Amino acid sequence: MAGAQVSEKTTTPSGAWQQFQLAKRQMLAEYRVAKAHAPSQVHHTIVAAALFRTWLESFLPKRFGVTGGYIRGQMIRVPPGDSPFDVIIYDQLASPTLWIESSPDQSSQGRSRMVPAEHVRAVIDVKARFSTDTAMTAVHKFGELKPLMDGIDVPGERYPTYLQPSTALATVFFELSESDREDMRALREIHAGMDLPRGFYGALILSSEGLPVDATGLTAFVRHAVGTRVVEGYGDLMTAHCKTKGFAHKGRMCSVRLDWMETNFARFAFDLIAIAQGTFERGRVSSFFGLDLSKIEPPKATPG
C-alpha cells in the first residue's frame, strides 16, 4: 500500500517462562504456610518434596511418572536406604510397579513405589534449605545408588540391571537464607556430585533472602584449562547474581557457578523433559520456551 510505513523491528513473542514463575510462587506460598505451622526442619523438607512432586506430575508429559520411593536392579541386591528417594521420574508406560506402599492416610501420588532401575530417567533429592549440611546430605544420598551405577547394560540385555547412562541426578532446595548466601562451602558439596558415576545435573534453588522474588538459582559446571585462575566470590554477570567457586577435578580446574535469573526455573523444567527423553546436552538450551525471547533480537531480513 502506497505511503504505508513498515517497521523494521519485528515483535518477538515472549517465552513461557512467566507461567513457570506463577507455578513457583504457588509452591513457595504453600511451603511457607506449612513452615509457619510447624517448626520442624524435617517436616519442611517433607512438604517441599510433596509440593515438588505435585508440580512435576502436572508438568511432565504423561509418559513419565513421578513418585517418591526406591530403585531396584534385577541382578543386584541393593540394601534399602534409611528413607525413600524424594523424586523418581520414570517411564510409566514401560515400567511395572514392583511394590507400592500401603497406607490409607496418604494420597496415591504421595505413596512410595519401587521402580526398576532400567526405567528410571531422573532422581531428585529435595531439601528445604540450601546450606553446607543439606547440600552434603543430598549428594551423599545418591551414593545409595552406587551398585546400580557401577556398570552399563549391553544393548539388548535380557535382564537389565543398571541405571541408564542418561539417567540424571539433581538436587532441589526451596530457600537460601541471607547468612548462608555468603558461605562458599555449600558449592564444594555440590561440586562433589561430579564424581558420581551418572550425570549429576547440579542444584536448583527456588528462592533466596535478599534477592528478587522471581530469581531462581541454578548451578553450572565449567571446566577450564590447567593453570586457569578462577576468581572466587560474588559478582554481577549482566542481569544475573553470580557466585563462583573453583575446584580441581580429575586433573583439570572446574568452576561451579550459581546464577540467579528469572528464567532459571523454566530452563530447569525443560531440561528435565530433555533428560527424561534422553536428548539433554549440558550447555545446550533444551527449549526456547524456557527463555525470555523478548530480549533476543530477531534475525534481520536480507534485502532481496
Protein backbone atom coordinates (compact mmCIF):
# COMPACT_ATOMS: atom_id res chain seq x y z
CA MET A 1 0.00 0.00 0.00
CA ALA A 2 1.38 3.39 -1.02
CA GLY A 3 2.59 5.54 1.82
CA ALA A 4 2.46 2.70 4.39
CA GLN A 5 5.26 2.74 6.94
CA VAL A 6 6.74 -0.71 7.64
CA SER A 7 8.66 -1.06 10.91
CA GLU A 8 11.99 -2.85 10.70
CA LYS A 9 11.53 -4.15 14.24
CA THR A 10 9.55 -7.36 14.46
CA THR A 11 7.72 -8.11 17.70
CA THR A 12 9.21 -11.23 19.28
CA PRO A 13 6.76 -13.43 21.17
CA SER A 14 7.68 -13.99 24.80
CA GLY A 15 8.55 -17.46 26.09
CA ALA A 16 6.51 -19.49 28.52
CA TRP A 17 8.85 -18.83 31.43
CA GLN A 18 6.42 -16.36 33.06
CA GLN A 19 3.90 -19.18 33.60
CA PHE A 20 6.56 -21.14 35.44
CA GLN A 21 7.05 -18.18 37.75
CA LEU A 22 3.40 -18.47 38.76
CA ALA A 23 3.81 -22.18 39.49
CA LYS A 24 6.96 -21.49 41.51
CA ARG A 25 5.26 -18.73 43.51
CA GLN A 26 2.37 -21.05 44.34
CA MET A 27 4.76 -23.78 45.52
CA LEU A 28 6.66 -21.34 47.70
CA ALA A 29 3.45 -19.86 49.14
CA GLU A 30 2.16 -23.31 50.17
CA TYR A 31 5.59 -24.20 51.53
CA ARG A 32 5.71 -21.06 53.68
CA VAL A 33 2.22 -21.70 55.06
CA ALA A 34 3.27 -25.19 56.12
CA LYS A 35 6.52 -23.82 57.50
CA ALA A 36 4.67 -21.27 59.62
CA HIS A 37 2.54 -24.01 61.22
CA ALA A 38 5.40 -26.38 62.11
CA PRO A 39 8.96 -25.54 63.24
CA SER A 40 10.44 -28.95 62.30
CA GLN A 41 13.02 -28.81 59.51
CA VAL A 42 12.19 -32.45 58.70
CA HIS A 43 8.54 -31.50 58.20
CA HIS A 44 9.55 -28.59 55.97
CA THR A 45 11.53 -30.99 53.75
CA ILE A 46 8.64 -33.46 53.54
CA VAL A 47 6.29 -30.66 52.48
CA ALA A 48 8.80 -29.33 49.94
CA ALA A 49 9.23 -32.76 48.33
CA ALA A 50 5.46 -33.33 48.14
CA LEU A 51 4.88 -29.92 46.54
CA PHE A 52 7.65 -30.51 44.01
CA ARG A 53 6.28 -33.93 43.03
CA THR A 54 2.82 -32.45 42.57
CA TRP A 55 4.15 -29.72 40.28
CA LEU A 56 6.21 -32.20 38.26
CA GLU A 57 3.23 -34.50 37.77
CA SER A 58 1.22 -31.59 36.33
CA PHE A 59 4.06 -30.51 34.01
CA LEU A 60 5.80 -33.58 32.60
CA PRO A 61 4.42 -35.45 29.57
CA LYS A 62 2.08 -38.23 30.70
CA ARG A 63 4.54 -40.86 29.53
CA PHE A 64 6.65 -40.09 32.59
CA GLY A 65 5.57 -40.97 36.11
CA VAL A 66 6.62 -39.12 39.26
CA THR A 67 6.95 -40.84 42.62
CA GLY A 68 8.92 -40.99 45.80
CA GLY A 69 10.38 -44.39 46.53
CA TYR A 70 13.08 -46.96 45.87
CA ILE A 71 15.01 -48.23 42.85
CA ARG A 72 15.98 -51.85 42.24
CA GLY A 73 18.03 -53.73 39.64
CA GLN A 74 17.29 -57.29 38.53
CA MET A 75 20.65 -58.93 39.20
CA ILE A 76 21.98 -56.82 42.10
CA ARG A 77 20.97 -56.77 45.73
CA VAL A 78 20.79 -53.13 46.80
CA PRO A 79 20.45 -52.58 50.55
CA PRO A 80 17.39 -50.43 51.26
CA GLY A 81 18.24 -46.91 52.33
CA ASP A 82 17.10 -45.24 55.51
CA SER A 83 14.49 -43.29 53.55
CA PRO A 84 12.98 -43.31 50.04
CA PHE A 85 14.26 -41.03 47.32
CA ASP A 86 12.18 -37.84 47.22
CA VAL A 87 11.53 -37.80 43.46
CA ILE A 88 11.93 -40.54 40.87
CA ILE A 89 10.99 -39.74 37.27
CA TYR A 90 10.42 -42.93 35.29
CA ASP A 91 8.89 -44.24 32.08
CA GLN A 92 5.50 -45.30 33.39
CA LEU A 93 4.37 -46.70 30.03
CA ALA A 94 7.14 -49.31 30.10
CA SER A 95 7.72 -49.78 33.82
CA PRO A 96 5.89 -52.21 36.08
CA THR A 97 5.35 -51.18 39.70
CA LEU A 98 7.34 -53.67 41.75
CA TRP A 99 5.88 -52.52 45.05
CA ILE A 100 3.68 -49.71 46.34
CA GLU A 101 3.37 -48.55 49.91
CA SER A 102 0.06 -49.47 51.51
CA SER A 103 -1.06 -46.52 53.59
CA PRO A 104 -4.71 -45.39 53.52
CA ASP A 105 -3.90 -42.00 55.04
CA GLN A 106 -1.76 -40.94 52.05
CA SER A 107 -2.77 -39.89 48.56
CA SER A 108 -1.78 -42.17 45.69
CA GLN A 109 0.65 -39.51 44.46
CA GLY A 110 2.39 -39.42 47.84
CA ARG A 111 2.90 -43.16 48.34
CA SER A 112 6.34 -44.64 47.85
CA ARG A 113 6.88 -47.04 44.95
CA MET A 114 9.66 -49.38 43.90
CA VAL A 115 10.78 -48.80 40.31
CA PRO A 116 13.07 -50.98 38.12
CA ALA A 117 16.39 -49.23 37.52
CA GLU A 118 16.26 -49.52 33.71
CA HIS A 119 13.10 -47.39 33.55
CA VAL A 120 14.36 -44.54 35.77
CA ARG A 121 15.09 -41.28 33.95
CA ALA A 122 16.00 -38.94 36.83
CA VAL A 123 16.36 -38.97 40.61
CA ILE A 124 15.95 -35.72 42.57
CA ASP A 125 16.71 -35.05 46.22
CA VAL A 126 14.64 -32.19 47.66
CA LYS A 127 15.62 -30.14 50.71
CA ALA A 128 14.00 -27.18 52.42
CA ARG A 129 17.14 -25.02 52.85
CA PHE A 130 20.34 -24.78 50.86
CA SER A 131 23.32 -24.95 53.20
CA THR A 132 26.60 -26.80 53.52
CA ASP A 133 25.00 -29.59 55.57
CA THR A 134 21.92 -30.07 53.35
CA ALA A 135 23.97 -29.98 50.14
CA MET A 136 26.31 -32.62 51.55
CA THR A 137 23.37 -34.79 52.68
CA ALA A 138 21.65 -34.51 49.30
CA VAL A 139 24.71 -35.56 47.30
CA HIS A 140 25.54 -38.31 49.80
CA LYS A 141 22.04 -39.78 49.37
CA PHE A 142 22.83 -40.62 45.75
CA GLY A 143 25.66 -42.86 46.98
CA GLU A 144 23.00 -45.44 47.86
CA LEU A 145 22.58 -45.99 44.12
CA LYS A 146 26.25 -46.84 43.55
CA PRO A 147 25.61 -50.59 42.93
CA LEU A 148 23.19 -49.55 40.16
CA MET A 149 25.72 -47.12 38.63
CA ASP A 150 28.83 -49.32 38.62
CA GLY A 151 28.05 -50.83 35.24
CA ILE A 152 26.20 -50.32 31.96
CA ASP A 153 23.89 -52.92 30.44
CA VAL A 154 24.85 -54.05 26.95
CA PRO A 155 22.31 -53.16 24.23
CA GLY A 156 19.51 -55.71 24.17
CA GLU A 157 20.37 -57.10 27.61
CA ARG A 158 17.63 -59.58 28.54
CA TYR A 159 17.91 -58.84 32.25
CA PRO A 160 18.85 -55.15 32.56
CA THR A 161 20.29 -54.23 35.94
CA TYR A 162 21.78 -50.74 35.94
CA LEU A 163 20.54 -47.19 35.70
CA GLN A 164 20.80 -45.99 32.13
CA PRO A 165 23.86 -43.83 31.25
CA SER A 166 21.49 -40.92 30.51
CA THR A 167 19.86 -41.07 33.96
CA ALA A 168 20.42 -37.75 35.72
CA LEU A 169 20.75 -36.91 39.42
CA ALA A 170 19.76 -33.47 40.69
CA THR A 171 19.15 -31.56 43.90
CA VAL A 172 16.40 -29.02 44.61
CA PHE A 173 16.28 -26.56 47.52
CA PHE A 174 13.33 -24.31 48.35
CA GLU A 175 15.15 -21.46 50.07
CA LEU A 176 18.51 -19.91 50.86
CA SER A 177 18.97 -17.69 53.90
CA GLU A 178 20.96 -14.49 53.65
CA SER A 179 23.52 -15.80 56.17
CA ASP A 180 24.11 -18.97 54.10
CA ARG A 181 24.43 -16.95 50.89
CA GLU A 182 27.93 -15.87 51.88
CA ASP A 183 29.08 -19.44 52.66
CA MET A 184 31.01 -20.84 49.70
CA ARG A 185 31.38 -24.32 51.27
CA ALA A 186 27.97 -25.44 50.03
CA LEU A 187 29.20 -25.19 46.45
CA ARG A 188 32.05 -27.55 47.34
CA GLU A 189 29.46 -30.14 48.35
CA ILE A 190 27.57 -29.64 45.07
CA HIS A 191 30.87 -29.99 43.21
CA ALA A 192 31.35 -33.41 44.87
CA GLY A 193 28.38 -34.64 42.84
CA MET A 194 30.59 -34.57 39.71
CA ASP A 195 32.29 -37.72 40.99
CA LEU A 196 29.05 -39.73 40.83
CA PRO A 197 29.06 -42.45 38.13
CA ARG A 198 25.96 -40.96 36.45
CA GLY A 199 25.30 -37.45 35.17
CA PHE A 200 24.97 -35.01 38.06
CA TYR A 201 22.85 -32.07 36.92
CA GLY A 202 23.59 -29.83 39.91
CA ALA A 203 21.36 -27.74 42.15
CA LEU A 204 18.21 -25.66 41.72
CA ILE A 205 17.32 -23.13 44.45
CA LEU A 206 13.82 -21.66 44.26
CA SER A 207 14.30 -18.55 46.41
CA SER A 208 16.81 -16.53 48.40
CA GLU A 209 16.58 -13.82 51.04
CA GLY A 210 17.86 -10.52 49.72
CA LEU A 211 17.19 -11.33 46.04
CA PRO A 212 14.14 -10.60 43.85
CA VAL A 213 11.23 -12.98 44.46
CA ASP A 214 11.30 -14.27 40.88
CA ALA A 215 15.02 -15.02 40.88
CA THR A 216 15.86 -18.73 40.82
CA GLY A 217 19.32 -20.13 41.47
CA LEU A 218 20.82 -22.70 39.10
CA THR A 219 24.32 -24.16 39.20
CA ALA A 220 26.56 -24.72 36.20
CA PHE A 221 29.84 -26.64 35.93
CA VAL A 222 32.55 -25.15 33.71
CA ARG A 223 35.85 -26.91 33.02
CA HIS A 224 38.97 -24.82 32.41
CA ALA A 225 42.43 -25.47 31.06
CA VAL A 226 45.13 -26.35 33.57
CA GLY A 227 46.56 -23.21 35.14
CA THR A 228 43.42 -21.13 34.66
CA ARG A 229 42.81 -18.80 37.58
CA VAL A 230 39.20 -18.86 38.73
CA VAL A 231 38.08 -15.78 40.64
CA GLU A 232 36.08 -16.93 43.64
CA GLY A 233 33.28 -14.95 45.23
CA TYR A 234 30.22 -12.94 44.33
CA GLY A 235 29.71 -10.69 41.36
CA ASP A 236 27.22 -9.45 38.81
CA LEU A 237 27.01 -11.17 35.44
CA MET A 238 24.82 -8.91 33.35
CA THR A 239 21.36 -9.30 34.96
CA ALA A 240 22.39 -12.36 36.96
CA HIS A 241 23.58 -12.51 40.53
CA CYS A 242 26.53 -14.85 40.27
CA LYS A 243 28.55 -16.87 42.77
CA THR A 244 31.56 -18.89 41.62
CA LYS A 245 33.91 -21.38 43.26
CA GLY A 246 36.87 -23.12 41.60
CA PHE A 247 37.98 -26.70 42.29
CA ALA A 248 40.35 -29.27 40.85
CA HIS A 249 38.52 -32.19 39.23
CA LYS A 250 40.29 -35.18 37.66
CA GLY A 251 43.38 -33.14 36.88
CA ARG A 252 41.51 -30.14 35.48
CA MET A 253 40.19 -26.96 37.01
CA CYS A 254 36.42 -26.82 37.28
CA SER A 255 34.35 -23.91 38.47
CA VAL A 256 30.87 -24.24 39.95
CA ARG A 257 28.75 -21.21 39.25
CA LEU A 258 25.45 -20.35 40.89
CA ASP A 259 23.44 -17.90 38.78
CA TRP A 260 20.20 -16.23 39.88
CA MET A 261 17.91 -15.42 36.96
CA GLU A 262 14.17 -15.14 36.37
CA THR A 263 14.17 -17.78 33.65
CA ASN A 264 16.12 -20.46 35.54
CA PHE A 265 13.09 -22.35 36.84
CA ALA A 266 11.68 -22.70 33.32
CA ARG A 267 15.09 -23.72 31.99
CA PHE A 268 15.33 -26.43 34.64
CA ALA A 269 11.81 -27.65 33.81
CA PHE A 270 12.58 -28.12 30.11
CA ASP A 271 15.96 -29.65 30.93
CA LEU A 272 14.06 -32.31 32.91
CA ILE A 273 11.94 -33.13 29.86
CA ALA A 274 15.09 -33.44 27.73
CA ILE A 275 16.68 -35.66 30.39
CA ALA A 276 13.59 -37.88 30.51
CA GLN A 277 13.55 -38.15 26.72
CA GLY A 278 17.29 -38.83 26.51
CA THR A 279 18.07 -35.68 24.48
CA PHE A 280 19.67 -33.47 27.15
CA GLU A 281 23.05 -31.93 26.35
CA ARG A 282 24.88 -29.95 29.01
CA GLY A 283 25.46 -26.40 27.86
CA ARG A 284 22.76 -26.53 25.18
CA VAL A 285 19.34 -24.87 25.56
CA SER A 286 16.72 -27.62 25.90
CA SER A 287 13.81 -25.42 24.77
CA PHE A 288 13.33 -21.80 23.79
CA PHE A 289 10.07 -21.87 25.78
CA GLY A 290 12.30 -21.55 28.83
CA LEU A 291 13.95 -18.33 27.68
CA ASP A 292 12.92 -14.68 27.71
CA LEU A 293 12.55 -14.27 23.94
CA SER A 294 11.71 -10.57 24.26
CA LYS A 295 15.43 -9.96 24.87
CA ILE A 296 16.53 -11.87 21.79
CA GLU A 297 16.82 -9.81 18.64
CA PRO A 298 15.09 -11.45 15.67
CA PRO A 299 17.21 -12.00 12.56
CA LYS A 300 17.16 -9.10 10.13
CA ALA A 301 15.64 -9.69 6.71
CA THR A 302 18.14 -9.94 3.88
CA PRO A 303 17.45 -7.39 1.12
CA GLY A 304 16.08 -9.15 -1.98
